[in-house]
C-alpha atoms as a PDB file:
ATOM      1  CA  MET A   1      -8.269 -14.706 -10.429  1.00  0.00           C
ATOM      2  CA  LEU A   2      -7.120 -17.279 -12.296  1.00  0.00           C
ATOM      3  CA  GLU A   3      -6.708 -20.138  -9.668  1.00  0.00           C
ATOM      4  CA  ASP A   4      -7.015 -20.292  -5.987  1.00  0.00           C
ATOM      5  CA  GLY A   5      -3.718 -19.752  -3.748  1.00  0.00           C
ATOM      6  CA  GLU A   6      -2.025 -18.159  -0.766  1.00  0.00           C
ATOM      7  CA  PHE A   7       0.025 -15.303  -1.356  1.00  0.00           C
ATOM      8  CA  GLU A   8       2.011 -12.990   0.613  1.00  0.00           C
ATOM      9  CA  VAL A   9       0.977  -9.335   0.060  1.00  0.00           C
ATOM     10  CA  GLU A  10       3.679  -6.027  -0.193  1.00  0.00           C
ATOM     11  CA  LEU A  11       2.435  -2.981  -0.138  1.00  0.00           C
ATOM     12  CA  TYR A  12       4.754   0.096  -0.482  1.00  0.00           C
ATOM     13  CA  TYR A  13       3.719   3.448   0.794  1.00  0.00           C
ATOM     14  CA  SER A  14       4.714   6.410   2.379  1.00  0.00           C
ATOM     15  CA  CYS A  15       3.617   7.764   5.732  1.00  0.00           C
ATOM     16  CA  THR A  16       4.006  11.317   7.818  1.00  0.00           C
ATOM     17  CA  GLU A  17       4.907  10.909  11.881  1.00  0.00           C
ATOM     18  CA  LYS A  18       1.396  12.471  12.555  1.00  0.00           C
ATOM     19  CA  ASN A  19      -0.704   9.727  10.746  1.00  0.00           C
ATOM     20  CA  VAL A  20       1.108   6.246  12.286  1.00  0.00           C
ATOM     21  CA  GLY A  21      -1.050   3.863  13.934  1.00  0.00           C
ATOM     22  CA  SER A  22      -3.245   3.801  11.018  1.00  0.00           C
ATOM     23  CA  VAL A  23      -4.733   0.655   9.760  1.00  0.00           C
ATOM     24  CA  ILE A  24      -5.677  -0.204   6.723  1.00  0.00           C
ATOM     25  CA  GLU A  25      -7.348  -3.658   5.456  1.00  0.00           C
ATOM     26  CA  LEU A  26      -6.775  -5.342   1.849  1.00  0.00           C
ATOM     27  CA  SER A  27      -9.846  -7.960   0.950  1.00  0.00           C
ATOM     28  CA  PHE A  28     -10.582  -9.980  -1.577  1.00  0.00           C
ATOM     29  CA  GLY A  29     -14.004 -11.694  -1.461  1.00  0.00           C
ATOM     30  CA  SER A  30     -14.326 -12.549   2.216  1.00  0.00           C
ATOM     31  CA  ASN A  31     -10.917 -12.998   2.423  1.00  0.00           C
ATOM     32  CA  LYS A  32      -8.974 -10.109   4.375  1.00  0.00           C
ATOM     33  CA  VAL A  33      -5.708  -8.956   5.619  1.00  0.00           C
ATOM     34  CA  GLN A  34      -4.840  -6.030   8.261  1.00  0.00           C
ATOM     35  CA  LYS A  35      -1.939  -4.291   9.163  1.00  0.00           C
ATOM     36  CA  GLN A  36      -1.167  -1.479  11.218  1.00  0.00           C
ATOM     37  CA  ILE A  37       0.965   1.434   9.823  1.00  0.00           C
ATOM     38  CA  ASP A  38       4.070   1.575  12.784  1.00  0.00           C
ATOM     39  CA  GLU A  39       6.609   3.447  11.004  1.00  0.00           C
ATOM     40  CA  ALA A  40       7.016   6.925   9.584  1.00  0.00           C
ATOM     41  CA  HIS A  41       8.189   7.321   5.915  1.00  0.00           C
ATOM     42  CA  ASP A  42       8.552  10.294   4.565  1.00  0.00           C
ATOM     43  CA  PRO A  43      10.965  11.062   2.324  1.00  0.00           C
ATOM     44  CA  PRO A  44      10.980  14.025  -0.439  1.00  0.00           C
ATOM     45  CA  LEU A  45      10.125  14.535  -3.517  1.00  0.00           C
ATOM     46  CA  THR A  46      12.678  14.024  -6.285  1.00  0.00           C
ATOM     47  CA  GLY A  47      13.127  14.904  -9.641  1.00  0.00           C
ATOM     48  CA  MET A  48      12.569  18.536 -10.181  1.00  0.00           C
ATOM     49  CA  GLU A  49      16.451  19.262 -10.123  1.00  0.00           C
ATOM     50  CA  ASN A  50      16.181  17.929 -13.507  1.00  0.00           C
ATOM     51  CA  ASP A  51      13.781  19.634 -15.385  1.00  0.00           C
ATOM     52  CA  LYS A  52      13.954  22.858 -17.120  1.00  0.00           C
ATOM     53  CA  ILE A  53      10.297  23.731 -16.875  1.00  0.00           C
ATOM     54  CA  VAL A  54       8.265  22.785 -13.777  1.00  0.00           C
ATOM     55  CA  ARG A  55       6.223  19.875 -14.497  1.00  0.00           C
ATOM     56  CA  GLN A  56       2.450  19.094 -14.278  1.00  0.00           C
ATOM     57  CA  GLU A  57       3.008  15.497 -13.638  1.00  0.00           C
ATOM     58  CA  SER A  58       4.072  14.606 -10.084  1.00  0.00           C
ATOM     59  CA  TYR A  59       7.290  13.934  -8.863  1.00  0.00           C
ATOM     60  CA  VAL A  60       8.695  10.630  -7.224  1.00  0.00           C
ATOM     61  CA  LYS A  61       9.857   9.752  -3.780  1.00  0.00           C
ATOM     62  CA  ASP A  62      11.192   6.632  -2.193  1.00  0.00           C
ATOM     63  CA  PHE A  63       8.146   4.847  -1.157  1.00  0.00           C
ATOM     64  CA  LYS A  64       8.613   2.022   1.490  1.00  0.00           C
ATOM     65  CA  PRO A  65       7.588  -1.565   1.520  1.00  0.00           C
ATOM     66  CA  LEU A  66       5.686  -3.294   4.214  1.00  0.00           C
ATOM     67  CA  ASN A  67       4.749  -6.880   4.368  1.00  0.00           C
ATOM     68  CA  MET A  68       1.026  -7.027   5.015  1.00  0.00           C
ATOM     69  CA  GLY A  69       1.189 -10.840   5.687  1.00  0.00           C
ATOM     70  CA  LEU A  70      -0.651 -13.705   4.039  1.00  0.00           C
ATOM     71  CA  ILE A  71      -4.385 -13.315   1.637  1.00  0.00           C
ATOM     72  CA  ASP A  72      -6.124 -16.893   0.628  1.00  0.00           C
ATOM     73  CA  LEU A  73      -7.633 -15.606  -2.855  1.00  0.00           C
ATOM     74  CA  LYS A  74     -10.166 -17.688  -4.464  1.00  0.00           C
ATOM     75  CA  LYS A  75     -10.485 -18.334  -7.923  1.00  0.00           C
ATOM     76  CA  GLY A  76     -13.068 -16.023  -9.993  1.00  0.00           C
ATOM     77  CA  LYS A  77     -13.702 -12.339 -10.425  1.00  0.00           C
ATOM     78  CA  GLY A  78     -13.789 -10.176  -7.606  1.00  0.00           C
ATOM     79  CA  GLN A  79     -12.598  -6.734  -6.303  1.00  0.00           C
ATOM     80  CA  LEU A  80      -9.534  -6.367  -4.621  1.00  0.00           C
ATOM     81  CA  VAL A  81     -10.183  -3.532  -2.050  1.00  0.00           C
ATOM     82  CA  LEU A  82      -7.398  -1.411   0.222  1.00  0.00           C
ATOM     83  CA  LYS A  83      -9.315   0.497   2.913  1.00  0.00           C
ATOM     84  CA  ALA A  84      -8.352   2.391   5.937  1.00  0.00           C
ATOM     85  CA  LEU A  85      -9.771   1.275   9.162  1.00  0.00           C
ATOM     86  CA  ASN A  86      -8.313   3.397  11.391  1.00  0.00           C
ATOM     87  CA  ILE A  87      -7.184   7.188  10.436  1.00  0.00           C
ATOM     88  CA  PRO A  88      -5.671   8.780  13.895  1.00  0.00           C
ATOM     89  CA  GLY A  89      -4.318  12.010  12.069  1.00  0.00           C
ATOM     90  CA  ALA A  90      -5.570  13.984   8.541  1.00  0.00           C
ATOM     91  CA  GLU A  91      -4.053  11.039   6.249  1.00  0.00           C
ATOM     92  CA  VAL A  92      -3.607   7.575   6.122  1.00  0.00           C
ATOM     93  CA  ILE A  93      -0.261   6.883   3.732  1.00  0.00           C
ATOM     94  CA  ASP A  94       0.781   7.777   0.258  1.00  0.00           C
ATOM     95  CA  PHE A  95      -0.025   4.146  -1.631  1.00  0.00           C
ATOM     96  CA  ARG A  96       2.232   3.185  -4.088  1.00  0.00           C
ATOM     97  CA  LEU A  97       1.601  -0.604  -5.239  1.00  0.00           C
ATOM     98  CA  LEU A  98       0.837  -3.954  -3.668  1.00  0.00           C
ATOM     99  CA  MET A  99       3.046  -7.173  -5.089  1.00  0.00           C
ATOM    100  CA  PHE A 100       1.660 -10.335  -4.373  1.00  0.00           C
ATOM    101  CA  ARG A 101       3.948 -13.635  -4.432  1.00  0.00           C
ATOM    102  CA  ARG A 102       2.538 -17.049  -4.595  1.00  0.00           C
ATOM    103  CA  THR A 103       3.351 -19.138  -1.184  1.00  0.00           C
ATOM    104  CA  LYS A 104       0.941 -22.175  -2.147  1.00  0.00           C
END
């Protein structure tokens, strides 16, 4: 982190119905934010209809944004960790990206 700040975190995910209830945590140093996945979002893969040959890369799908809440991040080096705290099914989520919006 280049400077201290408070950030609103948005996580983009997909999740099957059987994995609803999973709890994920994002941490940086001693600061953490947790969120339970309360809604399934399991869109189909797309892109194969445009291919002339089967590709080795993965196809795409629409990911849903989830507001994780606010996290205070302190200036300095550190490791940003995203992990599952509760896994009710065989998996948790398909994770696409994290977006940080500075609030302070």
